[in-house]
Amino acid sequence: HLAFEPYGMKGADAYNNDDGRKLRTIPLIEIGKTPLELWVETANFLYTINPVLPIQVMLSRLNPDMDIVIIDDMRRTAEFDYIKSRSGVVVRVDREGREPVSNIDSELLGYTDWNYTISNNAGFGELELAVRAICDDVAKQLT
């Protein structure tokens, strides 16, 4: 983000609400690319250096005293394997009729080493119950 701030990109938190999600798809005038396009291009470049570098960078910026970190968007098997190697838990969220939207998403079709798989077909209430059950199970394992 810092590299693109002079061109109008905002900090990460500015894109994590309803209004911010809209801003992700509006091109920065001086660059002609959206923040989303810049994030994808930057991550793809980092993947060429090291397939888990984007996750490592993200984790390095977190408070080291945090017990639990939720990464809500990983798309590469190397990322899942890296998280699992650090005693992390990976969860697949399935939704009927949802097809892969890119080659990266297609990479996950053959991945089977999930700790949990939950369904997102019945609505938010059912999804929340499934997530809470996983959280309870993981918490039990930590004690």
N, C-alpha and C. Protein backbone atom coordinates (compact mmCIF):
# COMPACT_ATOMS: atom_id res chain seq x y z
N HIS A 1 0.81 -1.19 0.00
CA HIS A 1 0.00 0.00 0.00
C HIS A 1 0.86 1.26 0.00
N LEU A 2 1.92 1.23 0.79
CA LEU A 2 2.74 2.42 0.93
C LEU A 2 3.32 2.87 -0.40
N ALA A 3 3.73 1.92 -1.24
CA ALA A 3 4.32 2.28 -2.52
C ALA A 3 3.33 3.01 -3.42
N PHE A 4 2.04 2.73 -3.25
CA PHE A 4 1.04 3.32 -4.13
C PHE A 4 0.26 4.47 -3.49
N GLU A 5 0.56 4.80 -2.22
CA GLU A 5 -0.14 5.91 -1.57
C GLU A 5 -0.02 7.23 -2.33
N PRO A 6 1.16 7.56 -2.88
CA PRO A 6 1.25 8.83 -3.62
C PRO A 6 0.31 8.89 -4.83
N TYR A 7 -0.18 7.74 -5.26
CA TYR A 7 -1.06 7.67 -6.43
C TYR A 7 -2.53 7.52 -6.06
N GLY A 8 -2.83 7.64 -4.77
CA GLY A 8 -4.22 7.63 -4.34
C GLY A 8 -4.68 6.37 -3.63
N MET A 9 -3.80 5.36 -3.49
CA MET A 9 -4.21 4.16 -2.78
C MET A 9 -4.27 4.45 -1.28
N LYS A 10 -5.29 3.93 -0.65
CA LYS A 10 -5.50 4.12 0.78
C LYS A 10 -4.91 2.94 1.55
N GLY A 11 -4.85 3.05 2.87
CA GLY A 11 -4.40 1.94 3.70
C GLY A 11 -5.37 0.78 3.61
N ALA A 12 -4.90 -0.41 3.98
CA ALA A 12 -5.69 -1.64 3.84
C ALA A 12 -7.05 -1.56 4.53
N ASP A 13 -7.11 -0.94 5.69
CA ASP A 13 -8.37 -0.88 6.42
C ASP A 13 -9.45 -0.11 5.67
N ALA A 14 -9.06 0.81 4.81
CA ALA A 14 -10.03 1.61 4.06
C ALA A 14 -10.83 0.77 3.06
N TYR A 15 -10.35 -0.42 2.74
CA TYR A 15 -11.01 -1.26 1.74
C TYR A 15 -11.82 -2.41 2.36
N ASN A 16 -11.88 -2.44 3.69
CA ASN A 16 -12.52 -3.57 4.37
C ASN A 16 -13.88 -3.23 4.97
N ASN A 17 -14.64 -2.43 4.27
CA ASN A 17 -16.03 -2.15 4.66
C ASN A 17 -16.84 -2.02 3.38
N ASP A 18 -18.13 -1.80 3.50
CA ASP A 18 -18.99 -1.77 2.30
C ASP A 18 -18.54 -0.72 1.29
N ASP A 19 -18.27 0.50 1.75
CA ASP A 19 -17.83 1.55 0.83
C ASP A 19 -16.45 1.22 0.27
N GLY A 20 -15.58 0.70 1.11
CA GLY A 20 -14.23 0.36 0.67
C GLY A 20 -14.20 -0.74 -0.38
N ARG A 21 -15.11 -1.70 -0.28
CA ARG A 21 -15.16 -2.77 -1.28
C ARG A 21 -15.43 -2.21 -2.67
N LYS A 22 -16.22 -1.15 -2.73
CA LYS A 22 -16.47 -0.50 -4.01
C LYS A 22 -15.20 0.18 -4.53
N LEU A 23 -14.43 0.77 -3.61
CA LEU A 23 -13.20 1.46 -4.00
C LEU A 23 -12.16 0.52 -4.59
N ARG A 24 -12.22 -0.75 -4.21
CA ARG A 24 -11.25 -1.73 -4.71
C ARG A 24 -11.27 -1.83 -6.24
N THR A 25 -12.41 -1.51 -6.83
CA THR A 25 -12.57 -1.72 -8.27
C THR A 25 -12.54 -0.43 -9.08
N ILE A 26 -12.19 0.68 -8.44
CA ILE A 26 -12.09 1.96 -9.14
C ILE A 26 -10.62 2.23 -9.44
N PRO A 27 -10.28 2.42 -10.72
CA PRO A 27 -8.86 2.64 -11.06
C PRO A 27 -8.29 3.90 -10.42
N LEU A 28 -7.04 3.79 -9.98
CA LEU A 28 -6.30 4.96 -9.51
C LEU A 28 -5.91 5.75 -10.76
N ILE A 29 -6.23 7.01 -10.80
CA ILE A 29 -6.11 7.81 -12.02
C ILE A 29 -4.70 7.78 -12.59
N GLU A 30 -3.69 8.02 -11.78
CA GLU A 30 -2.33 8.13 -12.29
C GLU A 30 -1.74 6.80 -12.75
N ILE A 31 -2.29 5.70 -12.26
CA ILE A 31 -1.75 4.38 -12.60
C ILE A 31 -2.62 3.67 -13.62
N GLY A 32 -3.92 3.92 -13.57
CA GLY A 32 -4.84 3.27 -14.50
C GLY A 32 -5.20 1.85 -14.11
N LYS A 33 -4.91 1.47 -12.88
CA LYS A 33 -5.26 0.14 -12.38
C LYS A 33 -5.99 0.30 -11.06
N THR A 34 -6.83 -0.68 -10.77
CA THR A 34 -7.57 -0.66 -9.51
C THR A 34 -6.68 -1.17 -8.39
N PRO A 35 -7.01 -0.83 -7.13
CA PRO A 35 -6.26 -1.41 -6.01
C PRO A 35 -6.26 -2.94 -6.07
N LEU A 36 -7.38 -3.54 -6.44
CA LEU A 36 -7.46 -5.00 -6.54
C LEU A 36 -6.46 -5.53 -7.56
N GLU A 37 -6.39 -4.90 -8.72
CA GLU A 37 -5.43 -5.32 -9.75
C GLU A 37 -3.99 -5.20 -9.24
N LEU A 38 -3.70 -4.12 -8.51
CA LEU A 38 -2.35 -3.93 -7.97
C LEU A 38 -2.02 -5.00 -6.93
N TRP A 39 -2.99 -5.34 -6.08
CA TRP A 39 -2.76 -6.39 -5.08
C TRP A 39 -2.46 -7.72 -5.75
N VAL A 40 -3.26 -8.06 -6.76
CA VAL A 40 -3.08 -9.34 -7.45
C VAL A 40 -1.72 -9.38 -8.15
N GLU A 41 -1.37 -8.31 -8.85
CA GLU A 41 -0.08 -8.28 -9.55
C GLU A 41 1.08 -8.37 -8.58
N THR A 42 0.97 -7.66 -7.45
CA THR A 42 2.04 -7.70 -6.45
C THR A 42 2.16 -9.10 -5.86
N ALA A 43 1.04 -9.70 -5.50
CA ALA A 43 1.07 -11.06 -4.94
C ALA A 43 1.63 -12.05 -5.96
N ASN A 44 1.21 -11.95 -7.21
CA ASN A 44 1.72 -12.86 -8.23
C ASN A 44 3.22 -12.72 -8.39
N PHE A 45 3.74 -11.49 -8.32
CA PHE A 45 5.18 -11.28 -8.40
C PHE A 45 5.87 -11.93 -7.20
N LEU A 46 5.32 -11.71 -6.01
CA LEU A 46 5.92 -12.31 -4.81
C LEU A 46 5.91 -13.83 -4.88
N TYR A 47 4.85 -14.42 -5.44
CA TYR A 47 4.77 -15.87 -5.59
C TYR A 47 5.93 -16.39 -6.45
N THR A 48 6.37 -15.61 -7.44
CA THR A 48 7.48 -16.07 -8.29
C THR A 48 8.78 -16.12 -7.51
N ILE A 49 8.90 -15.31 -6.48
CA ILE A 49 10.10 -15.32 -5.64
C ILE A 49 10.04 -16.47 -4.65
N ASN A 50 8.87 -16.62 -4.02
CA ASN A 50 8.66 -17.64 -3.00
C ASN A 50 7.15 -17.86 -2.89
N PRO A 51 6.67 -19.08 -3.10
CA PRO A 51 5.22 -19.29 -3.14
C PRO A 51 4.48 -18.98 -1.84
N VAL A 52 5.18 -18.82 -0.73
CA VAL A 52 4.50 -18.46 0.52
C VAL A 52 4.90 -17.07 1.01
N LEU A 53 5.64 -16.33 0.21
CA LEU A 53 6.09 -15.00 0.63
C LEU A 53 4.95 -14.05 0.99
N PRO A 54 3.85 -13.99 0.23
CA PRO A 54 2.77 -13.08 0.65
C PRO A 54 2.22 -13.41 2.04
N ILE A 55 2.07 -14.68 2.36
CA ILE A 55 1.59 -15.08 3.69
C ILE A 55 2.64 -14.75 4.75
N GLN A 56 3.91 -15.00 4.45
CA GLN A 56 4.97 -14.69 5.40
C GLN A 56 5.02 -13.19 5.70
N VAL A 57 4.90 -12.37 4.66
CA VAL A 57 4.90 -10.92 4.85
C VAL A 57 3.72 -10.51 5.72
N MET A 58 2.54 -11.03 5.43
CA MET A 58 1.36 -10.68 6.20
C MET A 58 1.54 -11.08 7.67
N LEU A 59 2.00 -12.31 7.91
CA LEU A 59 2.17 -12.78 9.28
C LEU A 59 3.24 -11.98 10.02
N SER A 60 4.27 -11.53 9.32
CA SER A 60 5.34 -10.77 9.97
C SER A 60 4.87 -9.41 10.47
N ARG A 61 3.77 -8.92 9.91
CA ARG A 61 3.27 -7.61 10.31
C ARG A 61 2.27 -7.68 11.46
N LEU A 62 1.94 -8.88 11.92
CA LEU A 62 0.96 -9.04 13.00
C LEU A 62 1.63 -8.96 14.36
N ASN A 63 0.85 -8.70 15.36
CA ASN A 63 1.31 -8.69 16.73
C ASN A 63 1.73 -10.11 17.10
N PRO A 64 2.98 -10.31 17.52
CA PRO A 64 3.44 -11.67 17.82
C PRO A 64 2.75 -12.30 19.03
N ASP A 65 2.05 -11.51 19.83
CA ASP A 65 1.35 -12.05 20.99
C ASP A 65 -0.04 -12.60 20.65
N MET A 66 -0.44 -12.49 19.41
CA MET A 66 -1.76 -12.99 19.02
C MET A 66 -1.78 -14.51 19.06
N ASP A 67 -2.83 -15.07 19.65
CA ASP A 67 -2.98 -16.51 19.73
C ASP A 67 -3.63 -17.09 18.48
N ILE A 68 -4.57 -16.34 17.91
CA ILE A 68 -5.33 -16.83 16.78
C ILE A 68 -5.32 -15.78 15.67
N VAL A 69 -5.06 -16.23 14.46
CA VAL A 69 -5.08 -15.37 13.28
C VAL A 69 -5.97 -16.06 12.26
N ILE A 70 -6.90 -15.32 11.68
CA ILE A 70 -7.75 -15.86 10.64
C ILE A 70 -7.37 -15.22 9.32
N ILE A 71 -6.99 -16.04 8.37
CA ILE A 71 -6.67 -15.58 7.02
C ILE A 71 -7.84 -16.02 6.16
N ASP A 72 -8.62 -15.07 5.68
CA ASP A 72 -9.88 -15.42 5.02
C ASP A 72 -9.78 -15.61 3.52
N ASP A 73 -8.59 -15.53 2.96
CA ASP A 73 -8.49 -15.67 1.51
C ASP A 73 -7.11 -16.20 1.13
N MET A 74 -7.00 -17.50 1.06
CA MET A 74 -5.79 -18.13 0.54
C MET A 74 -6.21 -18.95 -0.67
N ARG A 75 -5.35 -18.99 -1.68
CA ARG A 75 -5.75 -19.63 -2.93
C ARG A 75 -4.72 -20.59 -3.48
N ARG A 76 -3.65 -20.79 -2.79
CA ARG A 76 -2.59 -21.65 -3.33
C ARG A 76 -2.27 -22.76 -2.33
N THR A 77 -2.05 -23.94 -2.87
CA THR A 77 -1.79 -25.09 -1.99
C THR A 77 -0.54 -24.87 -1.15
N ALA A 78 0.46 -24.18 -1.68
CA ALA A 78 1.67 -23.91 -0.90
C ALA A 78 1.34 -23.08 0.34
N GLU A 79 0.37 -22.17 0.23
CA GLU A 79 -0.03 -21.37 1.38
C GLU A 79 -0.68 -22.25 2.45
N PHE A 80 -1.56 -23.16 2.02
CA PHE A 80 -2.21 -24.05 2.97
C PHE A 80 -1.18 -24.93 3.67
N ASP A 81 -0.26 -25.48 2.91
CA ASP A 81 0.76 -26.35 3.48
C ASP A 81 1.65 -25.58 4.46
N TYR A 82 1.96 -24.33 4.13
CA TYR A 82 2.77 -23.50 5.02
C TYR A 82 2.04 -23.24 6.34
N ILE A 83 0.77 -22.89 6.26
CA ILE A 83 -0.01 -22.62 7.47
C ILE A 83 -0.09 -23.89 8.32
N LYS A 84 -0.34 -25.02 7.69
CA LYS A 84 -0.41 -26.29 8.43
C LYS A 84 0.93 -26.62 9.08
N SER A 85 2.05 -26.29 8.41
CA SER A 85 3.38 -26.57 8.98
C SER A 85 3.65 -25.73 10.22
N ARG A 86 2.87 -24.67 10.40
CA ARG A 86 3.01 -23.81 11.57
C ARG A 86 1.89 -24.09 12.59
N SER A 87 1.35 -25.30 12.54
CA SER A 87 0.27 -25.74 13.44
C SER A 87 -1.04 -25.02 13.17
N GLY A 88 -1.20 -24.50 11.97
CA GLY A 88 -2.44 -23.83 11.60
C GLY A 88 -3.50 -24.80 11.14
N VAL A 89 -4.69 -24.31 11.00
CA VAL A 89 -5.85 -25.08 10.59
C VAL A 89 -6.38 -24.47 9.30
N VAL A 90 -6.69 -25.33 8.32
CA VAL A 90 -7.27 -24.82 7.08
C VAL A 90 -8.66 -25.38 6.89
N VAL A 91 -9.56 -24.50 6.47
CA VAL A 91 -10.98 -24.83 6.34
C VAL A 91 -11.42 -24.53 4.91
N ARG A 92 -12.07 -25.48 4.31
CA ARG A 92 -12.66 -25.27 2.98
C ARG A 92 -14.13 -24.91 3.17
N VAL A 93 -14.57 -23.87 2.49
CA VAL A 93 -15.97 -23.48 2.50
C VAL A 93 -16.53 -23.79 1.12
N ASP A 94 -17.43 -24.76 1.06
CA ASP A 94 -18.05 -25.17 -0.21
C ASP A 94 -19.38 -24.47 -0.41
N ARG A 95 -19.67 -24.16 -1.66
CA ARG A 95 -20.98 -23.62 -2.01
C ARG A 95 -21.38 -24.24 -3.35
N GLU A 96 -22.55 -24.88 -3.38
CA GLU A 96 -23.02 -25.52 -4.60
C GLU A 96 -23.12 -24.51 -5.74
N GLY A 97 -22.72 -24.94 -6.93
CA GLY A 97 -22.82 -24.09 -8.10
C GLY A 97 -21.70 -23.08 -8.24
N ARG A 98 -20.79 -23.04 -7.29
CA ARG A 98 -19.66 -22.09 -7.34
C ARG A 98 -18.53 -22.73 -8.12
N GLU A 99 -18.23 -22.18 -9.27
CA GLU A 99 -17.17 -22.69 -10.13
C GLU A 99 -15.89 -21.87 -9.91
N PRO A 100 -14.73 -22.47 -10.14
CA PRO A 100 -13.49 -21.70 -10.04
C PRO A 100 -13.52 -20.52 -11.01
N VAL A 101 -13.01 -19.38 -10.56
CA VAL A 101 -13.02 -18.19 -11.40
C VAL A 101 -11.67 -17.91 -12.04
N SER A 102 -10.66 -18.70 -11.68
CA SER A 102 -9.33 -18.48 -12.26
C SER A 102 -8.54 -19.78 -12.18
N ASN A 103 -7.38 -19.78 -12.82
CA ASN A 103 -6.48 -20.94 -12.73
C ASN A 103 -6.03 -21.17 -11.30
N ILE A 104 -5.88 -20.09 -10.56
CA ILE A 104 -5.46 -20.21 -9.16
C ILE A 104 -6.53 -20.96 -8.38
N ASP A 105 -7.80 -20.59 -8.57
CA ASP A 105 -8.88 -21.30 -7.88
C ASP A 105 -8.92 -22.76 -8.30
N SER A 106 -8.65 -23.05 -9.58
CA SER A 106 -8.66 -24.42 -10.07
C SER A 106 -7.60 -25.27 -9.40
N GLU A 107 -6.50 -24.64 -8.99
CA GLU A 107 -5.43 -25.37 -8.31
C GLU A 107 -5.94 -26.06 -7.05
N LEU A 108 -6.94 -25.48 -6.43
CA LEU A 108 -7.46 -26.02 -5.17
C LEU A 108 -8.40 -27.20 -5.36
N LEU A 109 -8.85 -27.44 -6.58
CA LEU A 109 -9.81 -28.53 -6.81
C LEU A 109 -9.24 -29.88 -6.38
N GLY A 110 -7.96 -30.08 -6.56
CA GLY A 110 -7.37 -31.36 -6.19
C GLY A 110 -6.81 -31.41 -4.78
N TYR A 111 -6.90 -30.31 -4.05
CA TYR A 111 -6.35 -30.26 -2.69
C TYR A 111 -7.30 -30.97 -1.73
N THR A 112 -6.76 -31.87 -0.93
CA THR A 112 -7.61 -32.66 -0.04
C THR A 112 -7.19 -32.61 1.43
N ASP A 113 -6.15 -31.88 1.74
CA ASP A 113 -5.60 -31.91 3.10
C ASP A 113 -6.22 -30.84 4.02
N TRP A 114 -7.53 -30.67 3.90
CA TRP A 114 -8.25 -29.71 4.74
C TRP A 114 -8.41 -30.27 6.14
N ASN A 115 -8.37 -29.40 7.14
CA ASN A 115 -8.70 -29.83 8.50
C ASN A 115 -10.22 -29.95 8.67
N TYR A 116 -10.94 -29.06 8.00
CA TYR A 116 -12.40 -29.05 8.07
C TYR A 116 -12.95 -28.62 6.72
N THR A 117 -14.15 -29.08 6.42
CA THR A 117 -14.90 -28.60 5.26
C THR A 117 -16.31 -28.28 5.74
N ILE A 118 -16.77 -27.09 5.38
CA ILE A 118 -18.13 -26.71 5.75
C ILE A 118 -18.89 -26.28 4.51
N SER A 119 -20.20 -26.34 4.61
CA SER A 119 -21.08 -25.99 3.49
C SER A 119 -21.64 -24.58 3.70
N ASN A 120 -21.70 -23.83 2.63
CA ASN A 120 -22.27 -22.49 2.67
C ASN A 120 -23.47 -22.44 1.73
N ASN A 121 -24.40 -23.39 1.88
CA ASN A 121 -25.56 -23.46 1.01
C ASN A 121 -26.87 -23.10 1.70
N ALA A 122 -26.89 -23.11 3.03
CA ALA A 122 -28.16 -22.99 3.75
C ALA A 122 -28.43 -21.60 4.31
N GLY A 123 -27.54 -20.66 4.13
CA GLY A 123 -27.75 -19.33 4.67
C GLY A 123 -26.76 -19.00 5.76
N PHE A 124 -26.76 -17.73 6.16
CA PHE A 124 -25.77 -17.25 7.10
C PHE A 124 -25.85 -17.94 8.46
N GLY A 125 -27.06 -18.20 8.95
CA GLY A 125 -27.21 -18.83 10.26
C GLY A 125 -26.53 -20.18 10.34
N GLU A 126 -26.74 -21.02 9.32
CA GLU A 126 -26.10 -22.34 9.29
C GLU A 126 -24.58 -22.22 9.15
N LEU A 127 -24.13 -21.27 8.34
CA LEU A 127 -22.70 -21.05 8.17
C LEU A 127 -22.07 -20.63 9.49
N GLU A 128 -22.74 -19.73 10.19
CA GLU A 128 -22.22 -19.27 11.48
C GLU A 128 -22.13 -20.42 12.48
N LEU A 129 -23.14 -21.29 12.51
CA LEU A 129 -23.10 -22.45 13.41
C LEU A 129 -21.92 -23.36 13.09
N ALA A 130 -21.68 -23.59 11.80
CA ALA A 130 -20.56 -24.45 11.39
C ALA A 130 -19.22 -23.83 11.78
N VAL A 131 -19.09 -22.52 11.59
CA VAL A 131 -17.84 -21.84 11.95
C VAL A 131 -17.64 -21.88 13.47
N ARG A 132 -18.70 -21.65 14.21
CA ARG A 132 -18.58 -21.70 15.68
C ARG A 132 -18.19 -23.10 16.15
N ALA A 133 -18.72 -24.14 15.52
CA ALA A 133 -18.36 -25.51 15.89
C ALA A 133 -16.89 -25.76 15.64
N ILE A 134 -16.37 -25.27 14.54
CA ILE A 134 -14.94 -25.42 14.25
C ILE A 134 -14.12 -24.65 15.28
N CYS A 135 -14.52 -23.43 15.59
CA CYS A 135 -13.80 -22.65 16.60
C CYS A 135 -13.78 -23.36 17.94
N ASP A 136 -14.91 -23.93 18.33
CA ASP A 136 -14.97 -24.68 19.59
C ASP A 136 -14.04 -25.88 19.56
N ASP A 137 -14.02 -26.59 18.45
CA ASP A 137 -13.16 -27.77 18.32
C ASP A 137 -11.69 -27.38 18.39
N VAL A 138 -11.31 -26.31 17.67
CA VAL A 138 -9.92 -25.86 17.70
C VAL A 138 -9.54 -25.39 19.10
N ALA A 139 -10.45 -24.67 19.77
CA ALA A 139 -10.16 -24.20 21.13
C ALA A 139 -9.93 -25.38 22.08
N LYS A 140 -10.69 -26.45 21.94
CA LYS A 140 -10.51 -27.65 22.75
C LYS A 140 -9.13 -28.25 22.53
N GLN A 141 -8.69 -28.23 21.27
CA GLN A 141 -7.38 -28.80 20.94
C GLN A 141 -6.24 -27.96 21.53
N LEU A 142 -6.47 -26.67 21.74
CA LEU A 142 -5.43 -25.78 22.25
C LEU A 142 -5.29 -25.86 23.77
N THR A 143 -6.32 -26.43 24.43
CA THR A 143 -6.25 -26.49 25.91
C THR A 143 -5.79 -27.84 26.39
